[in-house]
Protein backbone atom coordinates (compact mmCIF):
# COMPACT_ATOMS: atom_id res chain seq x y z
CA MET A 1 0.00 0.00 0.00
CA ASN A 2 1.36 3.43 -0.93
CA ARG A 3 0.90 5.48 2.23
CA SER A 4 0.86 8.83 0.40
CA THR A 5 -1.84 7.99 -2.13
CA LEU A 6 -5.26 6.44 -1.91
CA HIS A 7 -7.23 4.73 -4.65
CA LEU A 8 -10.16 2.42 -3.95
CA ASP A 9 -12.39 0.60 -6.40
CA ALA A 10 -16.10 0.72 -5.66
CA VAL A 11 -18.07 -2.50 -5.32
CA ASP A 12 -21.74 -3.10 -5.87
CA TYR A 13 -23.72 -3.09 -2.63
CA ASP A 14 -27.34 -3.22 -1.51
CA PRO A 15 -28.45 0.15 -0.06
CA ASP A 16 -31.78 -1.29 1.05
CA THR A 17 -30.86 -4.09 3.45
CA ARG A 18 -32.86 -4.69 6.59
CA LEU A 19 -29.96 -3.33 8.65
CA VAL A 20 -29.70 -0.07 6.68
CA ARG A 21 -33.46 0.49 6.79
CA THR A 22 -33.40 -0.06 10.55
CA VAL A 23 -30.52 2.27 11.43
CA GLU A 24 -31.10 5.03 8.86
CA PRO A 25 -33.65 7.09 10.91
CA VAL A 26 -31.26 7.23 13.88
CA LEU A 27 -28.31 8.10 11.66
CA ARG A 28 -30.22 10.89 9.94
CA ASP A 29 -31.21 12.44 13.28
CA LEU A 30 -27.60 12.18 14.43
CA ALA A 31 -26.26 13.79 11.25
CA GLU A 32 -28.75 16.65 11.49
CA HIS A 33 -27.75 17.25 15.11
CA LEU A 34 -24.04 17.40 14.18
CA LYS A 35 -24.37 19.43 10.98
CA ASP A 36 -23.51 22.78 12.57
CA ALA A 37 -20.50 21.20 14.29
CA SER A 38 -18.98 20.32 10.87
CA VAL A 39 -19.10 16.59 11.66
CA SER A 40 -20.00 14.01 9.01
CA VAL A 41 -21.45 10.56 9.76
CA THR A 42 -20.76 7.23 8.08
CA PHE A 43 -21.96 3.69 8.77
CA ALA A 44 -20.10 0.60 7.55
CA ASP A 45 -21.13 -3.05 7.72
CA ARG A 46 -19.14 -5.64 9.68
CA SER A 47 -16.66 -6.10 6.81
CA GLY A 48 -15.82 -2.39 6.72
CA LEU A 49 -17.87 -1.61 3.59
CA ILE A 50 -19.47 1.83 3.84
CA VAL A 51 -23.23 1.48 3.29
CA TRP A 52 -24.49 4.88 4.48
CA ARG A 53 -23.06 8.40 4.59
CA HIS A 54 -24.15 11.93 5.38
CA ALA A 55 -21.78 14.85 4.81
CA CYS A 56 -22.14 17.98 6.92
CA SER A 57 -21.84 20.26 3.85
CA HIS A 58 -21.40 20.20 0.08
CA ARG A 59 -17.73 21.03 0.54
CA ALA A 60 -17.31 18.20 3.01
CA MET A 61 -19.06 15.81 0.60
CA ASP A 62 -16.61 16.69 -2.18
CA ALA A 63 -13.71 16.07 0.21
CA LEU A 64 -15.15 12.73 1.32
CA ASP A 65 -15.62 11.71 -2.31
CA ASP A 66 -11.98 12.62 -3.02
CA HIS A 67 -10.96 10.17 -0.28
CA TYR A 68 -13.42 7.43 -1.35
CA ILE A 69 -15.33 7.79 1.94
CA SER A 70 -18.64 6.92 0.32
CA PRO A 71 -20.99 3.95 0.01
CA GLY A 72 -19.52 1.06 -1.94
CA HIS A 73 -15.95 1.58 -0.71
CA SER A 74 -14.30 -0.56 1.97
CA TYR A 75 -12.39 0.97 4.87
CA SER A 76 -11.35 -2.32 6.48
CA GLU A 77 -8.07 -2.05 8.40
CA GLU A 78 -6.58 -4.78 6.23
CA LEU A 79 -7.11 -2.63 3.14
CA ILE A 80 -6.57 0.91 4.47
CA GLY A 81 -4.47 0.47 7.59
CA THR A 82 -5.29 2.37 10.79
CA ASN A 83 -8.52 4.33 10.38
CA GLY A 84 -11.65 4.93 12.48
CA MET A 85 -14.03 2.42 10.95
CA GLY A 86 -11.55 -0.37 10.15
CA THR A 87 -9.63 -0.19 13.41
CA SER A 88 -12.81 -0.14 15.50
CA LEU A 89 -13.98 -3.31 13.76
CA ALA A 90 -10.54 -4.97 13.98
CA THR A 91 -10.20 -4.27 17.72
CA ASP A 92 -13.91 -4.70 18.47
CA SER A 93 -13.83 -1.53 20.54
CA PRO A 94 -14.46 2.24 20.36
CA VAL A 95 -11.49 4.15 18.92
CA VAL A 96 -10.44 7.73 18.23
CA VAL A 97 -8.02 8.18 15.32
CA HIS A 98 -6.51 11.66 15.06
CA GLY A 99 -5.05 12.99 11.81
CA PRO A 100 -1.41 11.76 12.03
CA ASP A 101 -2.55 8.45 13.57
CA HIS A 102 -3.95 7.31 10.21
CA TYR A 103 -1.72 4.81 8.44
CA ASN A 104 -2.40 6.38 5.04
CA THR A 105 -1.07 9.92 5.01
CA ALA A 106 -3.79 10.99 2.58
CA LEU A 107 -6.27 10.63 5.49
CA GLU A 108 -4.32 12.79 7.96
CA VAL A 109 -6.67 15.71 7.26
CA TYR A 110 -9.38 13.88 9.28
CA SER A 111 -10.02 12.85 12.87
CA CYS A 112 -12.58 10.15 13.66
CA ALA A 113 -14.51 8.67 16.57
CA SER A 114 -15.92 5.20 15.84
CA THR A 115 -17.62 2.40 17.76
CA PRO A 116 -18.94 -1.07 16.78
CA ILE A 117 -22.70 -1.69 16.75
CA ARG A 118 -23.91 -5.06 18.04
CA HIS A 119 -27.16 -6.93 17.73
CA PRO A 120 -28.73 -6.59 21.21
CA LEU A 121 -29.85 -10.24 21.21
CA THR A 122 -26.99 -12.15 19.58
CA LYS A 123 -24.21 -9.70 20.54
CA HIS A 124 -22.77 -10.16 17.05
CA VAL A 125 -21.11 -7.11 15.49
CA LEU A 126 -23.34 -5.71 12.75
CA GLY A 127 -21.30 -2.69 11.72
CA VAL A 128 -19.62 0.49 12.90
CA VAL A 129 -20.82 4.09 13.28
CA ASN A 130 -18.19 6.73 12.56
CA LEU A 131 -18.14 10.49 13.28
CA MET A 132 -15.49 12.42 11.37
CA CYS A 133 -14.32 15.99 10.90
CA ARG A 134 -11.28 17.90 9.75
CA ALA A 135 -8.38 17.22 12.12
CA GLU A 136 -8.22 20.82 13.34
CA ASP A 137 -11.95 20.77 14.20
CA PHE A 138 -11.83 17.69 16.48
CA ASN A 139 -13.84 18.01 19.69
CA ALA A 140 -13.45 15.84 22.78
CA LEU A 141 -17.23 15.33 22.81
CA MET A 142 -17.18 13.34 19.56
CA MET A 143 -16.53 10.00 21.25
CA PRO A 144 -19.27 10.46 23.91
CA THR A 145 -21.61 11.41 21.05
CA ALA A 146 -20.64 8.27 19.14
CA MET A 147 -21.28 6.14 22.24
CA ARG A 148 -24.70 7.74 22.67
CA ALA A 149 -25.43 6.95 19.02
CA LYS A 150 -24.46 3.34 19.69
CA VAL A 151 -27.08 3.12 22.45
CA ASP A 152 -29.75 4.66 20.21
CA LEU A 153 -28.87 2.43 17.26
CA GLU A 154 -28.89 -0.80 19.27
CA ARG A 155 -32.20 0.15 20.90
CA ARG A 156 -33.65 0.75 17.44
CA ILE A 157 -32.36 -2.65 16.26
CA LEU A 158 -33.95 -4.31 19.28
CA ASP A 159 -37.26 -2.54 18.64
CA GLU A 160 -37.24 -3.79 15.05
CA ALA A 161 -36.39 -7.39 15.96
CA SER A 162 -39.06 -9.80 14.81
CA GLN A 163 -41.40 -11.59 17.20
CA ASP A 164 -39.68 -14.85 16.24
CA ASP A 165 -36.29 -13.42 17.25
CA ARG A 166 -37.64 -12.21 20.58
CA ALA A 167 -39.38 -15.50 21.34
CA LEU A 168 -36.20 -17.41 20.56
CA PHE A 169 -34.16 -15.11 22.80
CA ASP A 170 -36.58 -15.56 25.72
CA LEU A 171 -36.32 -19.35 25.40
CA PHE A 172 -32.54 -19.11 25.29
CA LEU A 173 -32.44 -17.07 28.51
CA ALA A 174 -34.60 -19.67 30.27
CA GLU A 175 -32.34 -22.53 29.10
CA ARG A 176 -29.14 -20.69 30.01
CA ARG A 177 -30.23 -20.38 33.62
CA ARG A 178 -30.80 -24.13 33.85
CA ARG A 179 -27.61 -25.61 32.39
CA GLN A 180 -23.89 -25.03 31.77
CA THR A 181 -23.44 -27.38 28.81
CA PRO A 182 -23.43 -25.94 25.25
CA ILE A 183 -26.77 -24.41 24.20
CA PHE A 184 -27.83 -22.87 20.90
CA ALA A 185 -30.97 -20.95 20.06
CA ILE A 186 -31.19 -20.73 16.29
CA ASN A 187 -33.39 -19.70 13.40
CA ALA A 188 -32.66 -18.71 9.81
CA GLU A 189 -31.61 -15.19 10.83
CA ILE A 190 -29.82 -15.46 14.17
CA CYS A 191 -27.89 -17.92 16.31
CA ILE A 192 -27.39 -17.33 20.05
CA ALA A 193 -25.07 -19.47 22.17
CA ASN A 194 -23.91 -19.59 25.77
CA ASP A 195 -20.19 -19.46 26.59
CA ALA A 196 -19.83 -23.25 26.29
CA GLY A 197 -21.51 -23.15 22.88
CA LEU A 198 -19.34 -20.28 21.66
CA MET A 199 -16.21 -22.29 22.54
CA LEU A 200 -17.18 -24.88 19.90
CA GLY A 201 -16.80 -22.27 17.15
CA ILE A 202 -19.72 -23.62 15.12
CA ASP A 203 -20.88 -21.53 12.17
CA HIS A 204 -24.52 -20.36 12.12
CA THR A 205 -25.06 -21.45 8.50
CA ASP A 206 -23.51 -24.88 9.11
CA LEU A 207 -25.64 -25.49 12.20
CA TRP A 208 -28.85 -24.33 10.53
CA GLU A 209 -28.19 -26.58 7.51
CA ALA A 210 -27.50 -29.56 9.78
CA LEU A 211 -30.71 -28.86 11.69
CA GLN A 212 -32.75 -28.91 8.48
CA LYS A 213 -31.48 -32.43 7.75
CA THR A 214 -32.67 -33.89 11.07
CA PRO A 215 -36.11 -35.55 11.37
CA GLN A 216 -38.79 -33.04 12.32
CA ASN A 217 -41.62 -35.39 13.21
CA SER A 218 -41.69 -34.78 16.94
CA ASN A 219 -41.67 -31.96 19.46
CA PHE A 220 -38.56 -33.29 21.19
CA ARG A 221 -35.88 -35.48 19.65
CA GLN A 222 -32.39 -36.83 20.29
CA VAL A 223 -30.04 -36.59 17.31
CA GLU A 224 -26.40 -36.94 16.34
CA LEU A 225 -25.18 -33.67 14.82
CA ALA A 226 -21.98 -33.44 12.77
CA VAL A 227 -21.14 -29.77 12.23
CA GLY A 228 -17.92 -27.94 11.40
CA GLY A 229 -15.52 -30.77 12.17
CA VAL A 230 -17.20 -31.89 15.41
CA SER A 231 -19.79 -34.52 16.24
CA MET A 232 -22.14 -34.30 19.22
CA ASN A 233 -25.25 -35.80 20.74
CA ALA A 234 -27.97 -33.19 21.13
CA SER A 235 -31.59 -32.79 22.07
CA ILE A 236 -33.62 -30.46 19.89
CA SER A 237 -36.82 -28.66 20.81
CA PRO A 238 -38.46 -26.94 17.84
CA VAL A 239 -39.83 -23.42 18.20
CA ILE A 240 -43.24 -23.14 16.55
CA SER A 241 -44.77 -19.83 15.47
CA GLY A 242 -48.44 -20.58 14.82
CA VAL A 243 -48.15 -23.71 12.69
CA ARG A 244 -44.74 -22.78 11.25
CA PHE A 245 -41.37 -24.16 12.33
CA SER A 246 -39.38 -20.98 13.09
CA GLY A 247 -36.32 -22.21 14.96
CA ALA A 248 -35.03 -24.54 17.64
CA ILE A 249 -33.29 -24.84 20.98
CA ILE A 250 -30.31 -27.22 20.74
CA ARG A 251 -28.85 -28.71 23.94
CA VAL A 252 -25.53 -30.54 23.55
CA GLN A 253 -25.31 -33.65 25.71
CA GLY A 254 -22.18 -35.63 26.46
CA PRO A 255 -18.69 -35.04 25.07
CA VAL A 256 -18.07 -33.27 21.77
CA ARG A 257 -15.93 -35.37 19.43
CA GLN A 258 -13.68 -34.38 16.54
CA THR A 259 -15.09 -35.69 13.27
CA VAL A 260 -12.89 -38.48 11.94
CA ARG A 261 -11.18 -37.55 8.66
CA LYS A 262 -9.62 -39.94 6.18
CA SER A 263 -5.84 -39.81 5.92
CA SER A 264 -3.48 -40.29 3.00
CA SER A 265 -2.65 -43.75 4.36
CA ASP A 266 -6.22 -44.72 3.51
CA GLY A 267 -5.32 -44.55 -0.17
CA GLY A 268 -6.95 -41.15 -0.68
CA ARG A 269 -5.28 -38.74 -3.07
CA THR A 270 -5.39 -34.98 -2.99
CA PRO A 271 -6.20 -32.99 -6.15
CA TRP A 272 -2.48 -32.16 -6.34
CA ASP A 273 -1.61 -35.89 -6.21
CA VAL A 274 -4.03 -36.53 -9.08
CA THR A 275 -2.29 -33.82 -11.13
CA VAL A 276 1.09 -35.46 -10.51
CA ARG A 277 -0.28 -38.82 -11.68
CA THR A 278 -1.81 -37.44 -14.90
CA THR A 279 1.40 -35.48 -15.55
CA LEU A 280 3.41 -38.66 -15.09
CA SER A 281 1.16 -40.41 -17.61
CA THR A 282 1.94 -37.74 -20.22
CA LEU A 283 5.69 -38.08 -19.56
CA SER A 284 5.44 -41.87 -19.88
CA ASP A 285 3.97 -41.36 -23.35
CA HIS A 286 6.97 -39.12 -24.23
CA GLY A 287 4.80 -36.02 -24.27
CA ILE A 288 5.39 -32.60 -22.76
CA PRO A 289 3.04 -31.82 -19.84
CA MET A 290 2.12 -28.13 -19.51
CA LEU A 291 0.59 -27.26 -16.13
CA HIS A 292 -1.71 -24.29 -15.72
CA GLY A 293 -3.60 -22.93 -12.74
CA GLU A 294 -3.77 -20.06 -10.28
CA PRO A 295 -0.58 -18.69 -8.71
CA GLY A 296 0.60 -20.71 -5.72
CA THR A 297 -1.10 -24.00 -6.62
CA GLY A 298 2.18 -25.92 -6.82
CA LYS A 299 2.58 -26.30 -10.59
CA THR A 300 6.37 -26.41 -10.56
CA SER A 301 6.45 -28.74 -7.55
CA ALA A 302 4.02 -31.11 -9.29
CA LEU A 303 6.23 -31.26 -12.38
CA VAL A 304 9.36 -31.83 -10.30
CA ALA A 305 7.58 -34.65 -8.43
CA ALA A 306 6.38 -36.27 -11.67
CA LEU A 307 9.78 -36.00 -13.39
CA THR A 308 11.59 -37.31 -10.32
CA THR A 309 9.25 -40.33 -10.23
CA ARG A 310 9.53 -40.87 -13.99
CA PHE A 311 13.32 -41.05 -13.92
CA ALA A 312 13.81 -42.48 -10.42
CA ASP A 313 15.64 -45.54 -11.81
CA SER A 314 17.76 -43.60 -14.34
CA VAL A 315 21.08 -43.32 -12.54
CA GLU A 316 22.58 -41.33 -15.39
CA LEU A 317 20.16 -38.44 -14.82
CA SER A 318 21.00 -35.63 -12.41
CA PRO A 319 18.29 -33.98 -10.24
CA VAL A 320 15.50 -32.09 -11.95
CA ARG A 321 16.53 -28.55 -12.94
CA THR A 322 14.17 -25.57 -13.12
CA VAL A 323 14.67 -22.83 -15.69
CA ASN A 324 12.81 -19.56 -14.99
CA CYS A 325 11.44 -18.19 -18.26
CA ALA A 326 10.35 -14.98 -16.53
CA ALA A 327 13.94 -14.15 -15.52
CA THR A 328 15.16 -10.70 -16.54
CA SER A 329 17.99 -12.30 -18.51
CA ALA A 330 15.48 -13.81 -20.95
CA ILE A 331 14.64 -10.28 -22.08
CA VAL A 332 17.81 -8.31 -21.37
CA GLU A 333 20.32 -11.03 -22.29
CA PRO A 334 18.36 -13.53 -24.42
CA GLU A 335 21.47 -15.28 -25.81
CA SER A 336 22.88 -15.88 -22.33
CA TRP A 337 19.51 -17.18 -21.12
CA PHE A 338 19.17 -19.49 -24.12
CA ARG A 339 22.65 -20.99 -23.58
CA THR A 340 21.74 -21.72 -19.95
CA ALA A 341 18.48 -23.37 -21.04
CA ILE A 342 20.22 -25.58 -23.61
CA GLU A 343 22.87 -26.56 -21.07
CA ALA A 344 20.11 -27.67 -18.70
CA LEU A 345 18.48 -29.71 -21.45
CA THR A 346 21.65 -31.44 -22.60
CA ALA A 347 23.28 -32.05 -19.21
CA SER A 348 21.39 -35.33 -18.62
CA SER A 349 18.77 -33.48 -16.55
CA ALA A 350 15.03 -33.54 -16.50
CA THR A 351 14.03 -29.89 -16.88
CA VAL A 352 11.06 -27.73 -15.85
CA PHE A 353 10.53 -24.54 -17.82
CA ALA A 354 8.62 -22.37 -15.36
CA ARG A 355 6.45 -19.50 -16.68
CA ILE A 356 6.94 -20.43 -20.34
CA ASP A 357 4.26 -17.83 -21.15
CA ALA A 358 6.72 -15.06 -20.12
CA LEU A 359 9.27 -16.11 -22.73
CA PRO A 360 9.67 -13.73 -25.72
CA ASN A 361 8.25 -15.16 -28.94
CA GLU A 362 11.66 -15.47 -30.62
CA LEU A 363 13.14 -17.48 -27.76
CA ALA A 364 10.00 -19.65 -27.54
CA SER A 365 10.33 -20.46 -31.24
CA ARG A 366 14.02 -21.35 -30.89
CA LEU A 367 13.35 -23.54 -27.85
CA ASP A 368 10.56 -25.33 -29.74
CA ASP A 369 12.96 -26.05 -32.62
CA VAL A 370 15.43 -27.65 -30.21
CA LEU A 371 12.77 -29.78 -28.51
CA ARG A 372 11.23 -30.97 -31.78
CA SER A 373 14.67 -32.02 -33.02
CA SER A 374 15.03 -34.65 -30.29
CA ALA A 375 12.42 -37.07 -29.00
CA GLU A 376 14.73 -37.86 -26.08
CA LEU A 377 14.74 -34.22 -24.96
CA ARG A 378 10.97 -33.89 -25.23
CA GLY A 379 10.51 -36.91 -22.99
CA LYS A 380 12.16 -35.24 -20.00
CA VAL A 381 10.67 -31.75 -20.14
CA GLY A 382 7.72 -30.13 -18.37
CA MET A 383 6.36 -26.59 -18.54
CA THR A 384 4.22 -24.28 -16.42
CA ILE A 385 2.24 -21.19 -17.38
CA ARG A 386 0.67 -18.56 -15.20
CA HIS A 387 -2.73 -18.06 -16.79
CA ASP A 388 -5.44 -20.64 -16.16
CA ARG A 389 -7.74 -21.49 -19.10
CA SER A 390 -6.48 -18.45 -21.05
CA ARG A 391 -5.93 -17.99 -24.76
CA THR A 392 -2.21 -17.97 -23.91
CA ALA A 393 -2.46 -21.50 -22.54
CA PHE A 394 -3.99 -23.06 -25.64
CA THR A 395 -1.69 -21.11 -27.98
CA LEU A 396 1.45 -22.21 -26.14
CA ALA A 397 0.27 -25.81 -25.84
CA ASP A 398 -0.20 -25.85 -29.62
CA THR A 399 3.20 -24.21 -30.20
CA PHE A 400 5.12 -26.84 -28.20
CA GLY A 401 2.80 -29.76 -28.91
CA ALA A 402 2.21 -30.02 -25.16
CA THR A 403 -0.64 -31.54 -23.15
CA LEU A 404 -2.43 -29.17 -20.78
CA HIS A 405 -3.13 -30.24 -17.18
CA GLU A 406 -4.90 -28.06 -14.62
CA VAL A 407 -3.66 -27.80 -11.02
CA PRO A 408 -6.80 -27.15 -8.92
CA PRO A 409 -6.94 -24.25 -6.43
CA LEU A 410 -6.69 -25.06 -2.73
CA ARG A 411 -10.29 -24.06 -2.06
CA GLU A 412 -11.34 -27.24 -3.91
CA TYR A 413 -9.40 -29.55 -1.57
CA GLY A 414 -12.31 -29.88 0.90
CA GLU A 415 -11.46 -31.97 3.96
CA TRP A 416 -7.84 -32.31 2.86
CA ILE A 417 -7.25 -28.77 4.14
CA GLU A 418 -8.04 -29.90 7.68
CA PHE A 419 -5.98 -33.07 7.22
CA PHE A 420 -2.92 -31.05 6.15
CA ALA A 421 -3.40 -28.65 9.07
CA ARG A 422 -3.61 -31.49 11.60
CA GLU A 423 -0.61 -33.25 10.08
CA ARG A 424 1.51 -30.09 10.31
CA ALA A 425 0.35 -29.39 13.87
CA ASP A 426 1.42 -32.91 14.89
CA ARG A 427 4.95 -31.93 13.80
CA ALA A 428 5.01 -28.45 15.36
CA PRO A 429 8.47 -27.29 16.61
CA GLY A 430 7.28 -27.11 20.22
CA GLY A 431 5.60 -30.51 20.08
CA PRO A 432 2.22 -31.76 18.82
CA ARG A 433 -0.61 -29.24 18.98
CA LYS A 434 -4.38 -29.38 18.49
CA TRP A 435 -6.66 -27.15 16.44
CA THR A 436 -9.92 -25.85 17.88
CA PRO A 437 -13.03 -26.53 15.74
CA ALA A 438 -13.40 -22.79 15.08
CA ALA A 439 -9.84 -22.49 13.75
CA LEU A 440 -10.27 -25.51 11.46
CA ARG A 441 -13.56 -24.14 10.18
CA HIS A 442 -11.83 -20.87 9.22
CA LEU A 443 -9.12 -22.78 7.36
CA ARG A 444 -11.69 -24.92 5.54
CA THR A 445 -14.00 -22.10 4.43
CA TYR A 446 -11.36 -19.46 3.55
CA SER A 447 -10.93 -18.93 -0.21
CA TRP A 448 -7.08 -19.09 -0.14
CA PRO A 449 -6.36 -16.71 -3.04
CA GLY A 450 -2.65 -17.54 -2.63
CA ASN A 451 -3.37 -21.29 -2.64
CA LEU A 452 -0.78 -23.78 -1.32
CA ALA A 453 1.92 -21.12 -1.05
CA GLN A 454 -0.27 -18.94 1.17
CA PHE A 455 -1.49 -21.96 3.17
CA ASP A 456 2.08 -23.08 3.84
CA ALA A 457 3.09 -19.57 4.94
CA VAL A 458 0.13 -19.30 7.32
CA LEU A 459 0.80 -22.69 8.94
CA HIS A 460 4.48 -21.89 9.29
CA ALA A 461 3.69 -18.61 11.06
CA VAL A 462 1.03 -20.11 13.34
CA LEU A 463 3.17 -23.10 14.35
CA ALA A 464 6.49 -21.23 14.67
CA THR A 465 6.17 -20.59 18.40
CA GLU A 466 7.08 -23.03 21.17
CA SER A 467 3.54 -22.91 22.57
CA ARG A 468 1.70 -26.15 23.25
CA ALA A 469 -1.70 -24.48 23.64
CA PRO A 470 -4.58 -25.35 21.26
CA ILE A 471 -4.63 -23.19 18.12
CA ASN A 472 -7.61 -20.82 18.25
CA ALA A 473 -9.20 -18.70 15.53
CA SER A 474 -7.53 -15.66 17.14
CA ASP A 475 -4.13 -17.18 16.27
CA LEU A 476 -4.92 -16.98 12.54
CA PRO A 477 -4.31 -13.93 10.30
CA ALA A 478 -7.09 -11.32 10.46
CA ALA A 479 -8.02 -11.80 6.78
CA ILE A 480 -8.88 -15.46 7.39
CA VAL A 481 -10.96 -14.73 10.49
CA GLU A 482 -12.79 -11.83 8.84
CA SER A 483 -13.78 -14.03 5.91
CA ALA A 484 -16.10 -15.91 8.29
CA SER A 485 -18.54 -13.03 7.85
CA HIS A 486 -19.21 -14.37 4.36
CA SER A 487 -21.73 -17.16 4.12
CA ARG A 488 -20.51 -20.60 3.19
CA LEU A 489 -20.90 -20.99 -0.56
CA THR A 490 -23.63 -23.16 -1.99
CA PRO A 491 -22.78 -25.53 -4.88
CA LEU A 492 -24.31 -22.99 -7.30
CA GLU A 493 -22.20 -20.19 -5.84
CA ARG A 494 -19.05 -22.30 -6.08
CA THR A 495 -19.82 -22.91 -9.75
CA GLU A 496 -20.36 -19.19 -10.32
CA ALA A 497 -17.09 -18.40 -8.54
CA ARG A 498 -15.21 -20.74 -10.87
CA VAL A 499 -16.81 -19.17 -13.94
CA VAL A 500 -15.94 -15.66 -12.79
CA GLN A 501 -12.38 -16.71 -11.89
CA ALA A 502 -11.96 -18.32 -15.32
CA ALA A 503 -13.13 -15.12 -17.04
CA LEU A 504 -10.74 -12.97 -15.01
CA ILE A 505 -7.77 -15.15 -15.88
CA SER A 506 -8.68 -15.64 -19.53
CA CYS A 507 -8.84 -11.83 -19.81
CA GLU A 508 -5.53 -11.63 -17.93
CA GLY A 509 -6.94 -9.46 -15.15
CA ASN A 510 -8.75 -6.98 -17.43
CA LYS A 511 -11.99 -6.46 -15.49
CA THR A 512 -13.73 -4.57 -18.28
CA ALA A 513 -13.11 -7.43 -20.71
CA ALA A 514 -14.09 -10.01 -18.08
CA ALA A 515 -17.36 -8.18 -17.37
CA GLU A 516 -18.15 -8.10 -21.09
CA GLN A 517 -17.35 -11.80 -21.41
CA LEU A 518 -19.66 -12.59 -18.48
CA GLN A 519 -22.27 -10.11 -19.77
CA ILE A 520 -22.51 -8.31 -16.43
CA SER A 521 -21.69 -4.77 -15.32
CA ARG A 522 -18.29 -3.87 -13.85
CA THR A 523 -19.93 -3.09 -10.50
CA SER A 524 -21.52 -6.55 -10.45
CA LEU A 525 -18.14 -8.08 -11.27
CA TYR A 526 -16.48 -6.21 -8.40
CA LYS A 527 -19.22 -7.45 -6.08
CA LYS A 528 -18.60 -11.05 -7.12
CA ILE A 529 -14.83 -10.66 -6.77
CA ARG A 530 -15.31 -9.39 -3.25
CA ARG A 531 -18.05 -11.91 -2.42
CA TYR A 532 -15.98 -14.90 -3.55
CA GLN A 533 -12.58 -13.38 -2.61
CA LEU A 534 -11.22 -14.23 -6.04
CA ASN A 535 -7.64 -14.01 -7.22
CA GLN A 536 -7.54 -11.21 -9.82
CA ASN A 537 -4.17 -12.00 -11.43
């Protein structure tokens, strides 16, 4: 992030959500009260996306627009650095950020007082209210005013809560007084848990989906629930509104057990393993495998593994060599690069040409001539390209007579993500460690835009300490924890995410071209990129 400049892309957002409709009357009264004090008011959702704004004057509005402080722009701390809205959400507490305290120097002209807004029943953070003014106009009363606004906003939210929500909350309070074991009160909109229930780290959507799958033919039933990596015996009492099932009280009984996962010793193979096997098949047929996929998926590693296996019994071959086609020397000193590449090919080595798509056309043509002149050379060569399903991929495959293989993104690994995490934790430097269900759920549902490379870096950082304590969600990077605010994707949404990702990569990151290919607006594309946390490279 350049600290002296600020540029944010707008995303599509819904200005008419239930939350915005509920809080808008209070926010308008607040903004009118503060107008003469030259204080503007913004409201952002729990991800930091601004969804409502009122400027104290036309001049102030122009200034806010210049700094992208307007609906549709995100002010999360991860994106902007220290700022009122983002830092308040990140720390889950009221904050005052004076001019020079902003991370981005472009925002030093402002001072802000911000505080999170919680649902009065569930205690979940819904968003953040932010009062802001020019730095020289800051008044010590801004924070007390923001705290008063918090009270008014949460009272308004409580007043607007549905009868179903209130009835569920009353039942939860009655149950909480009677028992200390995990309790959940849940409907389609909210999920309330006692402290023991919160410790399980179970996602609202996961629990609601599991509840829908249980038999609903009685007023009281004992079931086995498997949710978010844990299995538990529970009794369920449905909540009936009139004749309609509107929710349930779930009481966990007995010990909570980790869900058993299959291991690699069971004969299971990860998507990466499957890629290595299909790559090996191409090599065995004396073809050239060309691996494509998102950055960080392990394309080069898969080729090295396949080539090493292919020539494991060839004592005359030296270890697999990797030639970087994106190296500066390929452009600045093409003859020197080409000599190095030919030496690798002819030195009894199996060779991986990484990022073959970055090679200048003249060098690519010369390399193709060399490979086509010798069947022996072609049989010990693999290639990788950066762009998944792009025009570049098919053109290069045709140029070299190669066979394309896709390396799947990590988000498609499913339960293998948890298996890898447990396996690494068993070998932690300070001794074996355990993951909490909440932490594993975050790993499983995160989109991993950096794929295996990012996953490996996260596990290394988390397990680097000598601690033997269980690994909690709070031990994970903020970006992974914050992604829990997004609903778990349905099969249809996962399909859409893949289509959008494919369009972005085939257009080589050009969002205008990708939007045209998908026949949607740019704002809709930005919304989907943010919704699915897609890699835009």
